[in-house]
Amino acid sequence: MIETGQPIPAASSATELAMKVSVVSIVVNLLLFLLKLAAGLLARSSALVSDAVHSASDVFSTLVVMIGFFMAKKKPDKDHPYGHDRLECVASLLLAAALAGTGLGIGMAGAQKMVYAGSHALTVPGLPALAAAVLSILAKELMYHYTRRVAKQINSGALMADAWHHRSDALSSVGSFVGILGARLGFPVLDPLVSVLICVMIEIAALDIFRDAVDKMVDKACPEATEEEMKQVILAIPGVLGIDEIKTRLFGAKIYLEVEIRMDASQTFVQAHETAEKVHETIERQFPDVKHCMVHVNPDVREEIT
């Protein structure tokens, strides 16, 4: 059998894009944290203060993403011949843990206020809290779309997790707005109640991030549709008579592929090698996420048997 395939080096432009998005994210989150914290304290809104804490946690999360992404793009070395791509998954796991912890803190604070609502009068948030919530919704939704677009462009799981972190913050702000408005309309218990609902949304987002990171660390196969598309591309290459076996696995944000192709047994070693190289080059050109493509060539002996 013939084997061929070399890993594709990471593009520096991807790192630059990720760093740019992360810096913008940190600046926006710091500004929103200060705005929501000030408005929440001034307007006496526990939901908005909880939302401010969420924005502060986003700063830490983005820093983790930056470090993880930078480490993942390091070139292979003697101790890590396959590269460091899975370090991005480690960053995603840390992000999920931080997000889950933040959500629990917010939920417990809201639940405690509701438990003692009978013995302590709940405060009604002021108008500044409503304005801050609306501004936060707009800013975080824009950050979600911006970060998600770049994450898809460079195929970064950690950056996509950060994008969903922005979306969860936008949803938190929507909840804050509803809670504040409800409290001002005569239902003050809605303000701490929304803190509990925010907690649930954050925990769901954390679980999704955790699952995605684990899938990329345990060699989960690509979706069937992706594998089928790869098969069609390979079978269209001249000289390939069939595919005996194809295996894919996720390695961080990249894909590793092993395929056994079947060729005419009368082909020379050089011809077989050239066809294997063609398969390798075509796959890596048409599927940029493929970092390593291993091609095995098996002789087609069916004609000889008949």
Protein backbone atom coordinates (compact mmCIF):
# COMPACT_ATOMS: atom_id res chain seq x y z
CA MET A 1 0.00 0.00 0.00
CA ILE A 2 1.06 3.56 -0.74
CA GLU A 3 0.67 6.34 1.79
CA THR A 4 0.89 10.03 1.13
CA GLY A 5 -0.12 13.23 2.88
CA GLN A 6 1.35 16.19 4.69
CA PRO A 7 -0.38 18.49 7.22
CA ILE A 8 -1.46 21.90 5.97
CA PRO A 9 0.28 24.73 7.85
CA ALA A 10 -2.02 27.17 9.68
CA ALA A 11 -2.52 30.54 8.00
CA SER A 12 -1.27 33.53 9.95
CA SER A 13 -4.24 35.56 8.69
CA ALA A 14 -6.59 33.32 10.68
CA THR A 15 -4.73 34.14 13.88
CA GLU A 16 -4.79 37.85 13.07
CA LEU A 17 -8.54 37.77 12.46
CA ALA A 18 -9.17 35.89 15.71
CA MET A 19 -7.04 38.32 17.70
CA LYS A 20 -8.80 41.31 16.14
CA VAL A 21 -12.26 39.95 16.97
CA SER A 22 -11.15 39.10 20.51
CA VAL A 23 -9.78 42.60 21.18
CA VAL A 24 -13.03 44.17 19.95
CA SER A 25 -14.97 41.74 22.15
CA ILE A 26 -12.96 42.66 25.25
CA VAL A 27 -13.43 46.39 24.70
CA VAL A 28 -17.18 46.06 24.13
CA ASN A 29 -17.65 43.80 27.15
CA LEU A 30 -15.71 46.13 29.44
CA LEU A 31 -17.80 49.09 28.35
CA LEU A 32 -21.05 47.14 28.76
CA PHE A 33 -19.98 45.87 32.18
CA LEU A 34 -19.35 49.40 33.46
CA LEU A 35 -22.59 50.71 31.90
CA LYS A 36 -24.81 47.90 33.21
CA LEU A 37 -23.22 47.86 36.63
CA ALA A 38 -23.65 51.62 37.06
CA ALA A 39 -27.22 51.55 35.70
CA GLY A 40 -28.11 48.49 37.76
CA LEU A 41 -26.87 50.00 41.03
CA LEU A 42 -28.41 53.39 40.26
CA ALA A 43 -31.76 51.91 39.20
CA ARG A 44 -31.69 49.18 41.89
CA SER A 45 -32.06 46.29 39.42
CA SER A 46 -30.68 42.93 40.50
CA ALA A 47 -31.29 41.51 37.01
CA LEU A 48 -29.15 44.21 35.41
CA VAL A 49 -26.38 43.81 38.00
CA SER A 50 -26.44 40.06 37.26
CA ASP A 51 -26.24 40.86 33.57
CA ALA A 52 -23.25 43.12 34.26
CA VAL A 53 -21.46 40.24 35.99
CA HIS A 54 -22.15 38.13 32.91
CA SER A 55 -20.47 40.76 30.72
CA ALA A 56 -17.46 40.84 33.06
CA SER A 57 -17.12 37.06 32.77
CA ASP A 58 -17.11 37.47 28.99
CA VAL A 59 -13.84 39.43 29.26
CA PHE A 60 -12.18 36.50 31.03
CA SER A 61 -13.69 34.04 28.55
CA THR A 62 -12.38 35.98 25.55
CA LEU A 63 -8.90 36.06 27.08
CA VAL A 64 -9.05 32.27 27.40
CA VAL A 65 -10.13 32.01 23.76
CA MET A 66 -7.23 34.22 22.66
CA ILE A 67 -4.67 32.16 24.55
CA GLY A 68 -6.17 28.87 23.37
CA PHE A 69 -6.33 29.96 19.74
CA PHE A 70 -2.76 31.26 19.79
CA MET A 71 -1.45 28.03 21.35
CA ALA A 72 -3.46 25.85 18.94
CA LYS A 73 -1.84 27.52 15.93
CA LYS A 74 1.71 26.72 17.07
CA LYS A 75 3.65 24.67 14.56
CA PRO A 76 4.25 20.95 15.20
CA ASP A 77 7.36 20.18 17.24
CA LYS A 78 9.25 17.10 18.41
CA ASP A 79 6.88 16.43 21.31
CA HIS A 80 3.73 17.33 19.32
CA PRO A 81 4.29 16.11 15.75
CA TYR A 82 0.58 16.44 14.93
CA GLY A 83 0.39 20.03 16.10
CA HIS A 84 -1.45 21.71 18.99
CA ASP A 85 -4.97 22.06 17.55
CA ARG A 86 -6.67 20.45 20.53
CA LEU A 87 -5.50 23.25 22.81
CA GLU A 88 -8.33 25.28 21.30
CA CYS A 89 -10.70 22.62 22.65
CA VAL A 90 -9.12 23.00 26.09
CA ALA A 91 -9.87 26.74 25.87
CA SER A 92 -13.48 25.91 24.99
CA LEU A 93 -13.75 23.60 28.02
CA LEU A 94 -12.42 26.33 30.31
CA LEU A 95 -14.87 28.74 28.73
CA ALA A 96 -17.75 26.34 29.37
CA ALA A 97 -16.71 25.91 33.01
CA ALA A 98 -16.43 29.67 33.56
CA LEU A 99 -19.79 30.24 31.90
CA ALA A 100 -21.47 27.55 34.00
CA GLY A 101 -20.03 28.99 37.22
CA THR A 102 -21.20 32.48 36.35
CA GLY A 103 -24.69 31.21 35.57
CA LEU A 104 -24.98 29.38 38.87
CA GLY A 105 -23.92 32.48 40.80
CA ILE A 106 -26.53 34.60 39.03
CA GLY A 107 -29.26 32.00 39.57
CA MET A 108 -28.53 31.55 43.26
CA ALA A 109 -28.61 35.31 43.86
CA GLY A 110 -31.98 35.64 42.12
CA ALA A 111 -33.46 32.63 43.91
CA GLN A 112 -32.33 33.97 47.29
CA LYS A 113 -34.12 37.27 46.66
CA MET A 114 -37.31 35.46 45.74
CA VAL A 115 -37.17 33.26 48.85
CA TYR A 116 -36.90 36.29 51.12
CA ALA A 117 -39.38 38.36 49.11
CA GLY A 118 -42.04 37.87 51.78
CA SER A 119 -40.00 39.41 54.57
CA HIS A 120 -38.24 42.10 52.54
CA ALA A 121 -39.91 44.47 50.11
CA LEU A 122 -38.52 44.08 46.59
CA THR A 123 -37.27 47.27 44.98
CA VAL A 124 -38.62 48.55 41.67
CA PRO A 125 -35.85 49.30 39.12
CA GLY A 126 -35.55 52.81 37.70
CA LEU A 127 -35.67 53.93 34.05
CA PRO A 128 -31.86 53.93 33.51
CA ALA A 129 -31.96 50.15 33.86
CA LEU A 130 -34.33 49.85 30.88
CA ALA A 131 -32.12 52.02 28.68
CA ALA A 132 -28.99 50.07 29.62
CA ALA A 133 -30.72 46.75 28.87
CA VAL A 134 -31.77 47.91 25.38
CA LEU A 135 -28.25 49.14 24.57
CA SER A 136 -26.79 45.84 25.77
CA ILE A 137 -29.17 43.82 23.58
CA LEU A 138 -28.14 45.74 20.46
CA ALA A 139 -24.40 45.66 21.21
CA LYS A 140 -24.24 41.95 22.09
CA GLU A 141 -26.37 40.85 19.13
CA LEU A 142 -24.03 42.75 16.78
CA MET A 143 -21.01 41.15 18.47
CA TYR A 144 -22.63 37.72 18.08
CA HIS A 145 -23.03 38.10 14.31
CA TYR A 146 -19.56 39.63 13.89
CA THR A 147 -17.80 36.93 15.91
CA ARG A 148 -19.82 34.10 14.36
CA ARG A 149 -19.00 35.26 10.83
CA VAL A 150 -15.26 35.27 11.53
CA ALA A 151 -15.45 31.94 13.45
CA LYS A 152 -17.05 30.27 10.41
CA GLN A 153 -14.51 31.92 8.10
CA ILE A 154 -11.52 30.49 9.99
CA ASN A 155 -13.34 27.40 11.37
CA SER A 156 -12.60 28.13 15.03
CA GLY A 157 -14.57 26.20 17.64
CA ALA A 158 -13.36 28.41 20.49
CA LEU A 159 -14.27 31.59 18.62
CA MET A 160 -17.69 30.13 17.76
CA ALA A 161 -18.15 29.38 21.47
CA ASP A 162 -17.32 33.01 22.21
CA ALA A 163 -19.91 34.05 19.61
CA TRP A 164 -22.58 32.05 21.39
CA HIS A 165 -21.39 33.62 24.61
CA HIS A 166 -22.34 36.97 23.06
CA ARG A 167 -25.73 35.58 22.04
CA SER A 168 -26.37 34.28 25.57
CA ASP A 169 -25.49 37.74 26.90
CA ALA A 170 -27.96 39.31 24.45
CA LEU A 171 -30.64 36.91 25.66
CA SER A 172 -29.72 37.75 29.24
CA SER A 173 -30.25 41.41 28.46
CA VAL A 174 -33.62 40.64 26.88
CA GLY A 175 -34.53 38.87 30.09
CA SER A 176 -33.28 41.82 32.11
CA PHE A 177 -35.42 44.18 30.06
CA VAL A 178 -38.53 42.04 30.58
CA GLY A 179 -37.85 41.71 34.30
CA ILE A 180 -37.22 45.44 34.78
CA LEU A 181 -40.28 46.40 32.75
CA GLY A 182 -42.44 43.91 34.63
CA ALA A 183 -41.20 45.21 37.98
CA ARG A 184 -42.03 48.79 36.96
CA LEU A 185 -45.52 47.66 35.93
CA GLY A 186 -46.22 46.35 39.43
CA PHE A 187 -44.58 42.93 39.50
CA PRO A 188 -41.24 43.46 41.32
CA VAL A 189 -40.69 39.72 41.74
CA LEU A 190 -40.07 39.50 37.98
CA ASP A 191 -36.68 41.20 38.37
CA PRO A 192 -35.05 38.45 40.50
CA LEU A 193 -37.08 35.80 38.64
CA VAL A 194 -35.41 36.83 35.40
CA SER A 195 -32.01 36.32 37.07
CA VAL A 196 -32.96 32.67 37.56
CA LEU A 197 -34.09 32.39 33.92
CA ILE A 198 -30.81 33.96 32.81
CA CYS A 199 -29.03 31.28 34.81
CA VAL A 200 -30.85 28.55 32.87
CA MET A 201 -29.95 30.10 29.50
CA ILE A 202 -26.30 30.41 30.50
CA GLU A 203 -26.14 26.79 31.65
CA ILE A 204 -27.60 25.60 28.33
CA ALA A 205 -25.00 27.61 26.41
CA ALA A 206 -22.22 26.20 28.61
CA LEU A 207 -23.42 22.63 28.00
CA ASP A 208 -23.46 23.16 24.22
CA ILE A 209 -19.90 24.54 24.29
CA PHE A 210 -18.76 21.62 26.46
CA ARG A 211 -20.28 19.01 24.13
CA ASP A 212 -18.72 20.58 21.03
CA ALA A 213 -15.26 20.68 22.66
CA VAL A 214 -15.49 17.06 23.83
CA ASP A 215 -16.56 15.86 20.37
CA LYS A 216 -13.41 17.43 18.91
CA MET A 217 -11.19 15.78 21.53
CA VAL A 218 -12.46 12.20 21.29
CA ASP A 219 -11.94 11.71 17.54
CA LYS A 220 -15.59 11.98 16.58
CA ALA A 221 -16.21 11.39 12.88
CA CYS A 222 -17.31 14.13 10.51
CA PRO A 223 -21.01 14.41 9.63
CA GLU A 224 -22.16 11.76 7.14
CA ALA A 225 -22.92 14.44 4.56
CA THR A 226 -19.29 15.63 4.65
CA GLU A 227 -17.95 12.08 4.27
CA GLU A 228 -20.31 11.42 1.35
CA GLU A 229 -19.16 14.60 -0.36
CA MET A 230 -15.53 13.50 0.07
CA LYS A 231 -16.34 10.12 -1.45
CA GLN A 232 -17.87 11.70 -4.55
CA VAL A 233 -14.82 13.94 -5.02
CA ILE A 234 -12.43 10.97 -4.73
CA LEU A 235 -14.43 8.71 -7.05
CA ALA A 236 -14.38 11.43 -9.71
CA ILE A 237 -10.57 11.31 -9.92
CA PRO A 238 -9.27 9.35 -12.96
CA GLY A 239 -7.76 6.02 -11.99
CA VAL A 240 -9.83 5.52 -8.82
CA LEU A 241 -12.06 2.47 -9.35
CA GLY A 242 -13.62 2.48 -5.90
CA ILE A 243 -13.26 3.20 -2.19
CA ASP A 244 -12.69 0.28 0.17
CA GLU A 245 -12.77 2.30 3.37
CA ILE A 246 -12.89 5.92 4.51
CA LYS A 247 -12.34 7.21 8.05
CA THR A 248 -12.55 10.77 9.35
CA ARG A 249 -11.95 12.26 12.76
CA LEU A 250 -12.13 15.73 14.21
CA PHE A 251 -8.86 16.99 15.62
CA GLY A 252 -9.62 20.32 17.24
CA ALA A 253 -11.05 22.51 14.49
CA LYS A 254 -9.41 20.37 11.77
CA ILE A 255 -10.21 17.08 10.06
CA TYR A 256 -7.99 14.04 9.66
CA LEU A 257 -8.87 11.70 6.78
CA GLU A 258 -7.77 8.16 5.96
CA VAL A 259 -9.02 6.58 2.75
CA GLU A 260 -8.32 3.30 0.96
CA ILE A 261 -8.81 3.62 -2.80
CA ARG A 262 -8.97 0.77 -5.29
CA MET A 263 -6.99 0.90 -8.55
CA ASP A 264 -6.27 -1.32 -11.54
CA ALA A 265 -3.77 -3.97 -10.44
CA SER A 266 -1.82 -3.57 -13.68
CA GLN A 267 -0.87 0.04 -12.83
CA THR A 268 2.80 0.68 -12.05
CA PHE A 269 3.99 1.83 -8.65
CA VAL A 270 4.65 5.29 -10.07
CA GLN A 271 1.16 5.53 -11.56
CA ALA A 272 -0.41 4.43 -8.29
CA HIS A 273 1.62 6.98 -6.39
CA GLU A 274 0.61 9.77 -8.79
CA THR A 275 -3.07 8.91 -8.38
CA ALA A 276 -2.73 8.83 -4.59
CA GLU A 277 -1.08 12.26 -4.70
CA LYS A 278 -3.93 13.52 -6.88
CA VAL A 279 -6.48 12.32 -4.31
CA HIS A 280 -4.50 13.95 -1.50
CA GLU A 281 -4.14 17.29 -3.28
CA THR A 282 -7.78 17.40 -4.45
CA ILE A 283 -9.18 16.65 -0.99
CA GLU A 284 -7.06 19.28 0.75
CA ARG A 285 -7.88 21.85 -1.93
CA GLN A 286 -11.65 21.31 -1.90
CA PHE A 287 -11.92 20.76 1.86
CA PRO A 288 -9.77 23.44 3.60
CA ASP A 289 -10.62 22.01 7.03
CA VAL A 290 -8.71 18.81 6.22
CA LYS A 291 -5.33 19.09 7.91
CA HIS A 292 -4.03 15.60 7.15
CA CYS A 293 -5.06 13.22 4.36
CA MET A 294 -3.68 9.69 4.29
CA VAL A 295 -4.26 7.71 1.09
CA HIS A 296 -3.82 3.91 0.84
CA VAL A 297 -3.87 2.20 -2.55
CA ASN A 298 -5.28 -1.33 -2.90
CA PRO A 299 -5.08 -3.34 -6.14
CA ASP A 300 -8.39 -4.20 -7.81
CA VAL A 301 -8.04 -7.94 -8.42
CA ARG A 302 -11.65 -8.69 -9.33
CA GLU A 303 -10.88 -8.91 -13.07
CA GLU A 304 -8.09 -11.42 -12.44
CA ILE A 305 -10.42 -13.60 -10.36
CA THR A 306 -13.03 -13.68 -13.13
